[in-house]
């Protein structure tokens, strides 16, 4: 899950109990659509941004459908819980559209701005398998279970170099 704002580096995950509550709300609301799959939730709090990811994973498939919702956030002026409720409403609307759609071609693949209840809400659709990503992170020794985490570009570059994915090695081929 990548933040929308370039300034979003340090983050804290939504509390796990809170994510379970969000997941339960979606599971109850979309019970009829979940016979062959499950709802996935993830959330992060950045200094100036709230980021929520809600997705659906159908049993036996590698592809997962996720909606990432981003809202700019000022803790001095705004209530984070109310903004998260707004994000949940947007995610519910998008999941409803996903379950009714024949394909996922119409969903925005890059951040797209929408006005919702006089607030700018940004949305993008991804099909990355978050469970496989988590397993890969575990193999690489990357943990997102700390209270405060940081997206470290130097760590990413170091991992790319170790895996032979740096820009220099690609130019030589």
Protein backbone atom coordinates (compact mmCIF):
# COMPACT_ATOMS: atom_id res chain seq x y z
CA UNK A 1 0.00 0.00 0.00
CA UNK A 2 1.57 3.23 -1.16
CA UNK A 3 0.46 6.62 0.15
CA UNK A 4 -0.82 9.24 -2.25
CA UNK A 5 1.19 12.13 -0.80
CA UNK A 6 4.94 12.22 -1.43
CA UNK A 7 5.39 13.68 2.07
CA UNK A 8 3.79 10.63 3.70
CA UNK A 9 6.73 8.66 5.04
CA UNK A 10 6.14 7.85 8.72
CA UNK A 11 2.96 6.01 9.57
CA UNK A 12 1.05 4.05 12.16
CA UNK A 13 -1.30 1.22 11.28
CA UNK A 14 -4.94 1.45 12.24
CA UNK A 15 -5.38 -0.53 15.47
CA UNK A 16 -5.96 -4.22 14.68
CA UNK A 17 -9.24 -4.30 16.63
CA UNK A 18 -10.49 -1.33 14.64
CA UNK A 19 -9.59 -3.06 11.37
CA UNK A 20 -11.41 -6.20 12.54
CA UNK A 21 -14.50 -4.10 13.28
CA UNK A 22 -14.34 -2.54 9.81
CA UNK A 23 -13.87 -5.99 8.27
CA UNK A 24 -16.87 -7.33 10.23
CA UNK A 25 -19.08 -4.48 9.04
CA UNK A 26 -18.19 -5.24 5.42
CA UNK A 27 -18.57 -8.99 5.94
CA UNK A 28 -22.09 -8.53 7.31
CA UNK A 29 -23.06 -5.96 4.68
CA UNK A 30 -21.86 -8.09 1.76
CA UNK A 31 -22.61 -11.53 3.23
CA UNK A 32 -24.39 -12.71 0.08
CA UNK A 33 -21.32 -11.96 -2.06
CA UNK A 34 -18.82 -13.60 0.29
CA UNK A 35 -19.73 -17.27 -0.09
CA UNK A 36 -16.56 -17.80 -2.14
CA UNK A 37 -14.30 -15.15 -0.69
CA UNK A 38 -13.43 -12.77 2.10
CA UNK A 39 -13.00 -9.09 2.86
CA UNK A 40 -9.53 -7.69 3.61
CA UNK A 41 -8.80 -4.40 5.37
CA UNK A 42 -5.69 -2.36 6.03
CA UNK A 43 -5.26 1.20 7.21
CA UNK A 44 -2.52 3.71 7.90
CA UNK A 45 -2.34 7.05 9.61
CA UNK A 46 0.24 9.48 8.26
CA UNK A 47 0.96 12.98 9.53
CA UNK A 48 -1.17 14.59 6.78
CA UNK A 49 -3.04 11.65 5.27
CA UNK A 50 -5.36 8.80 6.21
CA UNK A 51 -5.18 5.73 3.99
CA UNK A 52 -7.67 2.86 3.98
CA UNK A 53 -7.54 -0.24 1.81
CA UNK A 54 -10.55 -2.52 1.56
CA UNK A 55 -10.52 -5.50 -0.72
CA UNK A 56 -12.05 -8.77 -1.73
CA UNK A 57 -10.23 -12.05 -2.24
CA UNK A 58 -12.05 -14.88 -3.96
CA UNK A 59 -11.02 -18.36 -2.81
CA UNK A 60 -8.63 -20.11 -5.17
CA UNK A 61 -7.60 -16.97 -7.08
CA UNK A 62 -4.32 -15.06 -6.93
CA UNK A 63 -5.93 -11.76 -7.87
CA UNK A 64 -7.40 -9.61 -5.14
CA UNK A 65 -9.55 -6.56 -5.79
CA UNK A 66 -8.71 -3.59 -3.56
CA UNK A 67 -9.89 -0.05 -3.25
CA UNK A 68 -7.45 2.36 -1.64
CA UNK A 69 -8.97 5.53 -0.26
CA UNK A 70 -6.88 8.54 0.77
CA UNK A 71 -7.98 11.69 2.56
CA UNK A 72 -5.80 14.63 3.49
CA UNK A 73 -5.83 15.01 7.27
CA UNK A 74 -5.06 17.81 9.73
CA UNK A 75 -5.25 16.50 13.28
CA UNK A 76 -5.63 20.05 14.61
CA UNK A 77 -8.81 20.70 12.60
CA UNK A 78 -10.37 17.32 11.79
CA UNK A 79 -11.69 14.26 13.56
CA UNK A 80 -9.88 11.18 12.25
CA UNK A 81 -12.71 8.80 13.19
CA UNK A 82 -15.27 10.82 11.20
CA UNK A 83 -12.94 10.85 8.20
CA UNK A 84 -12.46 7.08 8.50
CA UNK A 85 -16.26 6.65 8.54
CA UNK A 86 -16.40 8.63 5.31
CA UNK A 87 -13.68 6.41 3.82
CA UNK A 88 -15.64 3.31 4.88
CA UNK A 89 -18.73 4.68 3.09
CA UNK A 90 -16.69 5.23 -0.08
CA UNK A 91 -15.21 1.72 0.17
CA UNK A 92 -18.70 0.22 0.64
CA UNK A 93 -19.95 2.01 -2.45
CA UNK A 94 -16.99 0.77 -4.48
CA UNK A 95 -17.33 -2.83 -3.25
CA UNK A 96 -21.00 -2.73 -4.17
CA UNK A 97 -20.02 -1.58 -7.68
CA UNK A 98 -17.34 -4.30 -7.85
CA UNK A 99 -19.84 -7.04 -7.01
CA UNK A 100 -22.27 -5.71 -9.62
CA UNK A 101 -19.68 -5.13 -12.36
CA UNK A 102 -18.88 -7.65 -15.06
CA UNK A 103 -15.23 -6.56 -15.06
CA UNK A 104 -12.92 -4.15 -13.25
CA UNK A 105 -11.90 -2.04 -16.27
CA UNK A 106 -13.76 1.10 -15.19
CA UNK A 107 -12.12 1.51 -11.78
CA UNK A 108 -9.33 4.13 -11.51
CA UNK A 109 -5.85 2.57 -11.50
CA UNK A 110 -4.19 5.78 -10.31
CA UNK A 111 -5.34 8.23 -7.67
CA UNK A 112 -8.50 9.97 -8.81
CA UNK A 113 -10.12 12.81 -6.88
CA UNK A 114 -13.80 12.78 -5.90
CA UNK A 115 -15.86 15.24 -3.88
CA UNK A 116 -17.74 13.38 -1.16
CA UNK A 117 -19.69 15.29 1.49
CA UNK A 118 -17.69 18.46 0.77
CA UNK A 119 -14.40 16.63 1.27
CA UNK A 120 -11.81 15.68 -1.34
CA UNK A 121 -11.47 11.91 -1.34
CA UNK A 122 -8.92 10.11 -3.51
CA UNK A 123 -9.49 6.60 -4.80
CA UNK A 124 -7.55 4.00 -6.73
CA UNK A 125 -8.09 0.33 -7.57
CA UNK A 126 -5.40 -2.34 -7.32
CA UNK A 127 -5.35 -6.08 -7.86
CA UNK A 128 -2.21 -6.91 -5.86
CA UNK A 129 -2.41 -9.98 -3.66
CA UNK A 130 -1.73 -8.51 -0.21
CA UNK A 131 -1.29 -11.92 1.41
CA UNK A 132 1.51 -12.82 -1.04
CA UNK A 133 3.05 -9.36 -0.50
CA UNK A 134 3.02 -9.94 3.28
CA UNK A 135 4.71 -13.32 2.83
CA UNK A 136 7.36 -11.75 0.61
CA UNK A 137 7.96 -8.99 3.17
CA UNK A 138 8.35 -11.64 5.86
CA UNK A 139 10.92 -13.50 3.75
CA UNK A 140 12.81 -10.23 3.20
CA UNK A 141 12.71 -9.43 6.92
CA UNK A 142 10.45 -6.41 6.48
CA UNK A 143 8.00 -5.99 9.34
CA UNK A 144 5.07 -3.59 9.45
CA UNK A 145 4.06 -4.53 12.97
CA UNK A 146 5.90 -1.71 14.71
CA UNK A 147 3.86 1.04 16.33
CA UNK A 148 5.50 3.61 14.05
CA UNK A 149 6.80 2.63 10.63
CA UNK A 150 8.68 4.52 7.98
CA UNK A 151 8.71 4.08 4.23
CA UNK A 152 12.46 4.11 3.75
CA UNK A 153 13.57 4.74 0.18
CA UNK A 154 17.17 3.80 1.07
CA UNK A 155 15.98 0.38 2.29
CA UNK A 156 14.05 -0.14 -0.93
CA UNK A 157 17.09 0.80 -3.02
CA UNK A 158 19.30 -1.52 -0.96
CA UNK A 159 16.87 -4.41 -1.46
CA UNK A 160 16.73 -3.68 -5.19
CA UNK A 161 20.53 -3.79 -5.34
CA UNK A 162 20.65 -7.08 -3.41
CA UNK A 163 18.10 -8.61 -5.76
CA UNK A 164 19.84 -7.28 -8.86
CA UNK A 165 16.97 -4.96 -9.71
CA UNK A 166 18.86 -1.68 -9.52
CA UNK A 167 18.77 0.62 -12.55
CA UNK A 168 22.45 0.00 -13.39
CA UNK A 169 22.07 -3.76 -13.72
CA UNK A 170 19.02 -3.37 -15.96
CA UNK A 171 20.91 -0.99 -18.30
CA UNK A 172 23.64 -3.57 -18.90
CA UNK A 173 21.23 -6.20 -20.25
